[in-house]
Structures are given as C-alpha cells and as structure tokens.
Amino acid sequence: MKTYTAIVERCTETGLYVGFVPGFTGAHTQAESLDELNQNLKEVIEMLLEEGTPRFESQFVGLQTIAVA
C-alpha cells in the first residue's frame, strides 16, 4: 500500500473543501465534507495510477509559519 500527502483547503466563496497532492498532476478534487474529499482523492489517485507510476513534478517538504509585524 502506498500513501500520498494531500493539501486541503476550504474555499471561502463556496464552502467546499479542495484537496490536491503536490507534484502529482491531475490529483485534485473538491467536496462538501472532509470524508467525501478523502474518498474523492482516493478515487482520483487510483484512476491516475491506472495510467502507470506517476512522475512527480515536486516533492512535499512541509509547512512553515511566517510572522509579519
């Protein structure tokens, strides 16, 4: 089993959750709940993997907090 890291945001205009896998072209989706988003991302990734092993354009490193006065 392979795991992927997804970035999740919430659109302030629509209220929808938006998720994408950094560097994995096409691995993005949206949903009304986090559970639905997780399922949608899983389906998208499985579909993309059917086309072969992905070639990542970037690698997720982490998050940083930036303080601005």
PDB file of N, CA and C in Angstrom:
ATOM      1  N   MET A   1       0.847  -1.173   0.000  1.00  0.00           N
ATOM      2  CA  MET A   1       0.000   0.000   0.000  1.00  0.00           C
ATOM      3  C   MET A   1       0.891   1.234   0.000  1.00  0.00           C
ATOM      4  N   LYS A   2       0.555   2.202  -0.808  1.00  0.00           N
ATOM      5  CA  LYS A   2       1.296   3.454  -0.924  1.00  0.00           C
ATOM      6  C   LYS A   2       0.460   4.584  -0.346  1.00  0.00           C
ATOM      7  N   THR A   3       1.098   5.528   0.311  1.00  0.00           N
ATOM      8  CA  THR A   3       0.380   6.673   0.860  1.00  0.00           C
ATOM      9  C   THR A   3       0.849   7.953   0.174  1.00  0.00           C
ATOM     10  N   TYR A   4      -0.052   8.914   0.096  1.00  0.00           N
ATOM     11  CA  TYR A   4       0.222  10.206  -0.526  1.00  0.00           C
ATOM     12  C   TYR A   4      -0.210  11.312   0.425  1.00  0.00           C
ATOM     13  N   THR A   5       0.502  12.411   0.407  1.00  0.00           N
ATOM     14  CA  THR A   5       0.167  13.568   1.226  1.00  0.00           C
ATOM     15  C   THR A   5      -0.675  14.526   0.401  1.00  0.00           C
ATOM     16  N   ALA A   6      -1.811  14.932   0.936  1.00  0.00           N
ATOM     17  CA  ALA A   6      -2.692  15.866   0.237  1.00  0.00           C
ATOM     18  C   ALA A   6      -2.768  17.172   1.026  1.00  0.00           C
ATOM     19  N   ILE A   7      -2.823  18.267   0.309  1.00  0.00           N
ATOM     20  CA  ILE A   7      -3.056  19.581   0.888  1.00  0.00           C
ATOM     21  C   ILE A   7      -4.562  19.827   0.828  1.00  0.00           C
ATOM     22  N   VAL A   8      -5.147  20.277   1.929  1.00  0.00           N
ATOM     23  CA  VAL A   8      -6.596  20.512   1.983  1.00  0.00           C
ATOM     24  C   VAL A   8      -6.839  21.965   2.373  1.00  0.00           C
ATOM     25  N   GLU A   9      -7.688  22.612   1.607  1.00  0.00           N
ATOM     26  CA  GLU A   9      -8.089  23.992   1.871  1.00  0.00           C
ATOM     27  C   GLU A   9      -9.613  24.056   1.816  1.00  0.00           C
ATOM     28  N   ARG A  10     -10.159  25.153   2.322  1.00  0.00           N
ATOM     29  CA  ARG A  10     -11.608  25.346   2.220  1.00  0.00           C
ATOM     30  C   ARG A  10     -11.855  26.657   1.491  1.00  0.00           C
ATOM     31  N   CYS A  11     -12.618  26.599   0.434  1.00  0.00           N
ATOM     32  CA  CYS A  11     -12.937  27.775  -0.366  1.00  0.00           C
ATOM     33  C   CYS A  11     -13.900  28.672   0.411  1.00  0.00           C
ATOM     34  N   THR A  12     -13.532  29.929   0.608  1.00  0.00           N
ATOM     35  CA  THR A  12     -14.374  30.848   1.371  1.00  0.00           C
ATOM     36  C   THR A  12     -15.626  31.249   0.596  1.00  0.00           C
ATOM     37  N   GLU A  13     -15.582  31.151  -0.725  1.00  0.00           N
ATOM     38  CA  GLU A  13     -16.747  31.527  -1.537  1.00  0.00           C
ATOM     39  C   GLU A  13     -17.796  30.420  -1.603  1.00  0.00           C
ATOM     40  N   THR A  14     -17.357  29.181  -1.775  1.00  0.00           N
ATOM     41  CA  THR A  14     -18.294  28.073  -1.963  1.00  0.00           C
ATOM     42  C   THR A  14     -18.475  27.221  -0.708  1.00  0.00           C
ATOM     43  N   GLY A  15     -17.510  27.288   0.221  1.00  0.00           N
ATOM     44  CA  GLY A  15     -17.554  26.444   1.409  1.00  0.00           C
ATOM     45  C   GLY A  15     -17.076  25.026   1.140  1.00  0.00           C
ATOM     46  N   LEU A  16     -16.669  24.742  -0.093  1.00  0.00           N
ATOM     47  CA  LEU A  16     -16.212  23.398  -0.444  1.00  0.00           C
ATOM     48  C   LEU A  16     -14.774  23.180   0.014  1.00  0.00           C
ATOM     49  N   TYR A  17     -14.476  21.932   0.372  1.00  0.00           N
ATOM     50  CA  TYR A  17     -13.108  21.535   0.661  1.00  0.00           C
ATOM     51  C   TYR A  17     -12.437  21.199  -0.662  1.00  0.00           C
ATOM     52  N   VAL A  18     -11.210  21.649  -0.810  1.00  0.00           N
ATOM     53  CA  VAL A  18     -10.443  21.421  -2.023  1.00  0.00           C
ATOM     54  C   VAL A  18      -9.166  20.703  -1.624  1.00  0.00           C
ATOM     55  N   GLY A  19      -8.848  19.608  -2.302  1.00  0.00           N
ATOM     56  CA  GLY A  19      -7.647  18.852  -1.970  1.00  0.00           C
ATOM     57  C   GLY A  19      -6.827  18.548  -3.201  1.00  0.00           C
ATOM     58  N   PHE A  20      -5.499  18.539  -3.017  1.00  0.00           N
ATOM     59  CA  PHE A  20      -4.607  18.167  -4.116  1.00  0.00           C
ATOM     60  C   PHE A  20      -3.343  17.534  -3.554  1.00  0.00           C
ATOM     61  N   VAL A  21      -2.718  16.702  -4.367  1.00  0.00           N
ATOM     62  CA  VAL A  21      -1.463  16.063  -3.991  1.00  0.00           C
ATOM     63  C   VAL A  21      -0.346  16.843  -4.672  1.00  0.00           C
ATOM     64  N   PRO A  22       0.530  17.487  -3.902  1.00  0.00           N
ATOM     65  CA  PRO A  22       1.596  18.293  -4.502  1.00  0.00           C
ATOM     66  C   PRO A  22       2.448  17.491  -5.472  1.00  0.00           C
ATOM     67  N   GLY A  23       2.653  18.061  -6.651  1.00  0.00           N
ATOM     68  CA  GLY A  23       3.516  17.444  -7.645  1.00  0.00           C
ATOM     69  C   GLY A  23       2.881  16.351  -8.470  1.00  0.00           C
ATOM     70  N   PHE A  24       1.685  15.893  -8.114  1.00  0.00           N
ATOM     71  CA  PHE A  24       1.006  14.795  -8.806  1.00  0.00           C
ATOM     72  C   PHE A  24      -0.040  15.415  -9.731  1.00  0.00           C
ATOM     73  N   THR A  25       0.348  15.690 -10.969  1.00  0.00           N
ATOM     74  CA  THR A  25      -0.526  16.353 -11.927  1.00  0.00           C
ATOM     75  C   THR A  25      -1.850  15.624 -12.059  1.00  0.00           C
ATOM     76  N   GLY A  26      -2.941  16.361 -11.895  1.00  0.00           N
ATOM     77  CA  GLY A  26      -4.272  15.792 -12.040  1.00  0.00           C
ATOM     78  C   GLY A  26      -4.880  15.270 -10.752  1.00  0.00           C
ATOM     79  N   ALA A  27      -4.079  15.174  -9.691  1.00  0.00           N
ATOM     80  CA  ALA A  27      -4.584  14.625  -8.422  1.00  0.00           C
ATOM     81  C   ALA A  27      -5.173  15.755  -7.585  1.00  0.00           C
ATOM     82  N   HIS A  28      -6.384  16.174  -7.949  1.00  0.00           N
ATOM     83  CA  HIS A  28      -7.074  17.231  -7.217  1.00  0.00           C
ATOM     84  C   HIS A  28      -8.578  17.026  -7.339  1.00  0.00           C
ATOM     85  N   THR A  29      -9.313  17.490  -6.329  1.00  0.00           N
ATOM     86  CA  THR A  29     -10.761  17.343  -6.327  1.00  0.00           C
ATOM     87  C   THR A  29     -11.349  18.270  -5.271  1.00  0.00           C
ATOM     88  N   GLN A  30     -12.659  18.277  -5.174  1.00  0.00           N
ATOM     89  CA  GLN A  30     -13.346  19.073  -4.158  1.00  0.00           C
ATOM     90  C   GLN A  30     -14.554  18.302  -3.639  1.00  0.00           C
ATOM     91  N   ALA A  31     -15.061  18.712  -2.452  1.00  0.00           N
ATOM     92  CA  ALA A  31     -16.199  18.017  -1.853  1.00  0.00           C
ATOM     93  C   ALA A  31     -16.803  18.883  -0.753  1.00  0.00           C
ATOM     94  N   GLU A  32     -18.006  18.487  -0.315  1.00  0.00           N
ATOM     95  CA  GLU A  32     -18.700  19.226   0.734  1.00  0.00           C
ATOM     96  C   GLU A  32     -18.247  18.835   2.135  1.00  0.00           C
ATOM     97  N   SER A  33     -17.645  17.656   2.297  1.00  0.00           N
ATOM     98  CA  SER A  33     -17.163  17.220   3.610  1.00  0.00           C
ATOM     99  C   SER A  33     -15.756  16.648   3.473  1.00  0.00           C
ATOM    100  N   LEU A  34     -15.048  16.571   4.606  1.00  0.00           N
ATOM    101  CA  LEU A  34     -13.696  16.015   4.579  1.00  0.00           C
ATOM    102  C   LEU A  34     -13.697  14.527   4.245  1.00  0.00           C
ATOM    103  N   ASP A  35     -14.708  13.806   4.728  1.00  0.00           N
ATOM    104  CA  ASP A  35     -14.808  12.377   4.402  1.00  0.00           C
ATOM    105  C   ASP A  35     -15.006  12.179   2.901  1.00  0.00           C
ATOM    106  N   GLU A  36     -15.897  12.992   2.321  1.00  0.00           N
ATOM    107  CA  GLU A  36     -16.140  12.906   0.886  1.00  0.00           C
ATOM    108  C   GLU A  36     -14.891  13.312   0.101  1.00  0.00           C
ATOM    109  N   LEU A  37     -14.173  14.318   0.577  1.00  0.00           N
ATOM    110  CA  LEU A  37     -12.943  14.746  -0.088  1.00  0.00           C
ATOM    111  C   LEU A  37     -11.910  13.625  -0.073  1.00  0.00           C
ATOM    112  N   ASN A  38     -11.766  12.962   1.073  1.00  0.00           N
ATOM    113  CA  ASN A  38     -10.826  11.849   1.181  1.00  0.00           C
ATOM    114  C   ASN A  38     -11.170  10.751   0.184  1.00  0.00           C
ATOM    115  N   GLN A  39     -12.436  10.404   0.076  1.00  0.00           N
ATOM    116  CA  GLN A  39     -12.870   9.378  -0.864  1.00  0.00           C
ATOM    117  C   GLN A  39     -12.620   9.813  -2.310  1.00  0.00           C
ATOM    118  N   ASN A  40     -12.935  11.080  -2.607  1.00  0.00           N
ATOM    119  CA  ASN A  40     -12.709  11.595  -3.960  1.00  0.00           C
ATOM    120  C   ASN A  40     -11.228  11.571  -4.327  1.00  0.00           C
ATOM    121  N   LEU A  41     -10.372  11.991  -3.390  1.00  0.00           N
ATOM    122  CA  LEU A  41      -8.933  11.973  -3.654  1.00  0.00           C
ATOM    123  C   LEU A  41      -8.443  10.544  -3.886  1.00  0.00           C
ATOM    124  N   LYS A  42      -8.942   9.611  -3.093  1.00  0.00           N
ATOM    125  CA  LYS A  42      -8.548   8.207  -3.265  1.00  0.00           C
ATOM    126  C   LYS A  42      -8.931   7.712  -4.658  1.00  0.00           C
ATOM    127  N   GLU A  43     -10.145   8.035  -5.095  1.00  0.00           N
ATOM    128  CA  GLU A  43     -10.600   7.607  -6.421  1.00  0.00           C
ATOM    129  C   GLU A  43      -9.773   8.240  -7.535  1.00  0.00           C
ATOM    130  N   VAL A  44      -9.463   9.530  -7.392  1.00  0.00           N
ATOM    131  CA  VAL A  44      -8.669  10.220  -8.409  1.00  0.00           C
ATOM    132  C   VAL A  44      -7.272   9.605  -8.489  1.00  0.00           C
ATOM    133  N   ILE A  45      -6.652   9.362  -7.332  1.00  0.00           N
ATOM    134  CA  ILE A  45      -5.308   8.778  -7.320  1.00  0.00           C
ATOM    135  C   ILE A  45      -5.325   7.383  -7.933  1.00  0.00           C
ATOM    136  N   GLU A  46      -6.316   6.560  -7.557  1.00  0.00           N
ATOM    137  CA  GLU A  46      -6.413   5.207  -8.134  1.00  0.00           C
ATOM    138  C   GLU A  46      -6.564   5.278  -9.649  1.00  0.00           C
ATOM    139  N   MET A  47      -7.374   6.211 -10.137  1.00  0.00           N
ATOM    140  CA  MET A  47      -7.570   6.363 -11.579  1.00  0.00           C
ATOM    141  C   MET A  47      -6.257   6.766 -12.258  1.00  0.00           C
ATOM    142  N   LEU A  48      -5.549   7.719 -11.662  1.00  0.00           N
ATOM    143  CA  LEU A  48      -4.280   8.167 -12.247  1.00  0.00           C
ATOM    144  C   LEU A  48      -3.228   7.065 -12.217  1.00  0.00           C
ATOM    145  N   LEU A  49      -3.244   6.233 -11.173  1.00  0.00           N
ATOM    146  CA  LEU A  49      -2.267   5.140 -11.083  1.00  0.00           C
ATOM    147  C   LEU A  49      -2.508   4.063 -12.129  1.00  0.00           C
ATOM    148  N   GLU A  50      -3.747   3.978 -12.626  1.00  0.00           N
ATOM    149  CA  GLU A  50      -4.036   3.018 -13.693  1.00  0.00           C
ATOM    150  C   GLU A  50      -3.247   3.361 -14.957  1.00  0.00           C
ATOM    151  N   GLU A  51      -2.875   4.630 -15.100  1.00  0.00           N
ATOM    152  CA  GLU A  51      -2.102   5.078 -16.261  1.00  0.00           C
ATOM    153  C   GLU A  51      -0.609   4.802 -16.082  1.00  0.00           C
ATOM    154  N   GLY A  52      -0.217   4.295 -14.915  1.00  0.00           N
ATOM    155  CA  GLY A  52       1.179   3.989 -14.643  1.00  0.00           C
ATOM    156  C   GLY A  52       1.680   4.748 -13.432  1.00  0.00           C
ATOM    157  N   THR A  53       2.933   4.502 -13.065  1.00  0.00           N
ATOM    158  CA  THR A  53       3.541   5.158 -11.918  1.00  0.00           C
ATOM    159  C   THR A  53       3.702   6.642 -12.215  1.00  0.00           C
ATOM    160  N   PRO A  54       3.234   7.500 -11.306  1.00  0.00           N
ATOM    161  CA  PRO A  54       3.314   8.936 -11.572  1.00  0.00           C
ATOM    162  C   PRO A  54       4.751   9.457 -11.528  1.00  0.00           C
ATOM    163  N   ARG A  55       4.996  10.459 -12.320  1.00  0.00           N
ATOM    164  CA  ARG A  55       6.271  11.174 -12.275  1.00  0.00           C
ATOM    165  C   ARG A  55       5.992  12.492 -11.579  1.00  0.00           C
ATOM    166  N   PHE A  56       6.458  12.620 -10.355  1.00  0.00           N
ATOM    167  CA  PHE A  56       6.171  13.806  -9.562  1.00  0.00           C
ATOM    168  C   PHE A  56       6.990  14.987 -10.050  1.00  0.00           C
ATOM    169  N   GLU A  57       6.322  16.146 -10.149  1.00  0.00           N
ATOM    170  CA  GLU A  57       6.976  17.371 -10.587  1.00  0.00           C
ATOM    171  C   GLU A  57       7.599  18.112  -9.416  1.00  0.00           C
ATOM    172  N   SER A  58       7.200  17.781  -8.200  1.00  0.00           N
ATOM    173  CA  SER A  58       7.764  18.389  -6.999  1.00  0.00           C
ATOM    174  C   SER A  58       7.574  17.426  -5.843  1.00  0.00           C
ATOM    175  N   GLN A  59       8.166  17.752  -4.712  1.00  0.00           N
ATOM    176  CA  GLN A  59       8.081  16.895  -3.528  1.00  0.00           C
ATOM    177  C   GLN A  59       7.617  17.733  -2.350  1.00  0.00           C
ATOM    178  N   PHE A  60       6.608  17.248  -1.632  1.00  0.00           N
ATOM    179  CA  PHE A  60       6.116  17.948  -0.444  1.00  0.00           C
ATOM    180  C   PHE A  60       7.200  17.927   0.620  1.00  0.00           C
ATOM    181  N   VAL A  61       7.513  19.096   1.172  1.00  0.00           N
ATOM    182  CA  VAL A  61       8.551  19.205   2.191  1.00  0.00           C
ATOM    183  C   VAL A  61       7.945  19.461   3.560  1.00  0.00           C
ATOM    184  N   GLY A  62       7.014  20.389   3.649  1.00  0.00           N
ATOM    185  CA  GLY A  62       6.414  20.687   4.935  1.00  0.00           C
ATOM    186  C   GLY A  62       5.721  22.039   4.912  1.00  0.00           C
ATOM    187  N   LEU A  63       5.340  22.494   6.093  1.00  0.00           N
ATOM    188  CA  LEU A  63       4.659  23.764   6.245  1.00  0.00           C
ATOM    189  C   LEU A  63       5.526  24.687   7.093  1.00  0.00           C
ATOM    190  N   GLN A  64       5.404  25.984   6.867  1.00  0.00           N
ATOM    191  CA  GLN A  64       6.114  26.963   7.678  1.00  0.00           C
ATOM    192  C   GLN A  64       5.147  28.036   8.133  1.00  0.00           C
ATOM    193  N   THR A  65       5.345  28.522   9.337  1.00  0.00           N
ATOM    194  CA  THR A  65       4.581  29.641   9.846  1.00  0.00           C
ATOM    195  C   THR A  65       5.440  30.897   9.724  1.00  0.00           C
ATOM    196  N   ILE A  66       4.896  31.908   9.098  1.00  0.00           N
ATOM    197  CA  ILE A  66       5.631  33.143   8.864  1.00  0.00           C
ATOM    198  C   ILE A  66       4.991  34.255   9.680  1.00  0.00           C
ATOM    199  N   ALA A  67       5.757  34.913  10.543  1.00  0.00           N
ATOM    200  CA  ALA A  67       5.261  36.023  11.352  1.00  0.00           C
ATOM    201  C   ALA A  67       5.610  37.343  10.676  1.00  0.00           C
ATOM    202  N   VAL A  68       4.627  38.190  10.503  1.00  0.00           N
ATOM    203  CA  VAL A  68       4.816  39.502   9.880  1.00  0.00           C
ATOM    204  C   VAL A  68       4.257  40.557  10.810  1.00  0.00           C
ATOM    205  N   ALA A  69       5.058  41.573  11.094  1.00  0.00           N
ATOM    206  CA  ALA A  69       4.613  42.645  12.001  1.00  0.00           C
ATOM    207  C   ALA A  69       3.715  43.625  11.303  1.00  0.00           C
TER     208      ALA A  69
END
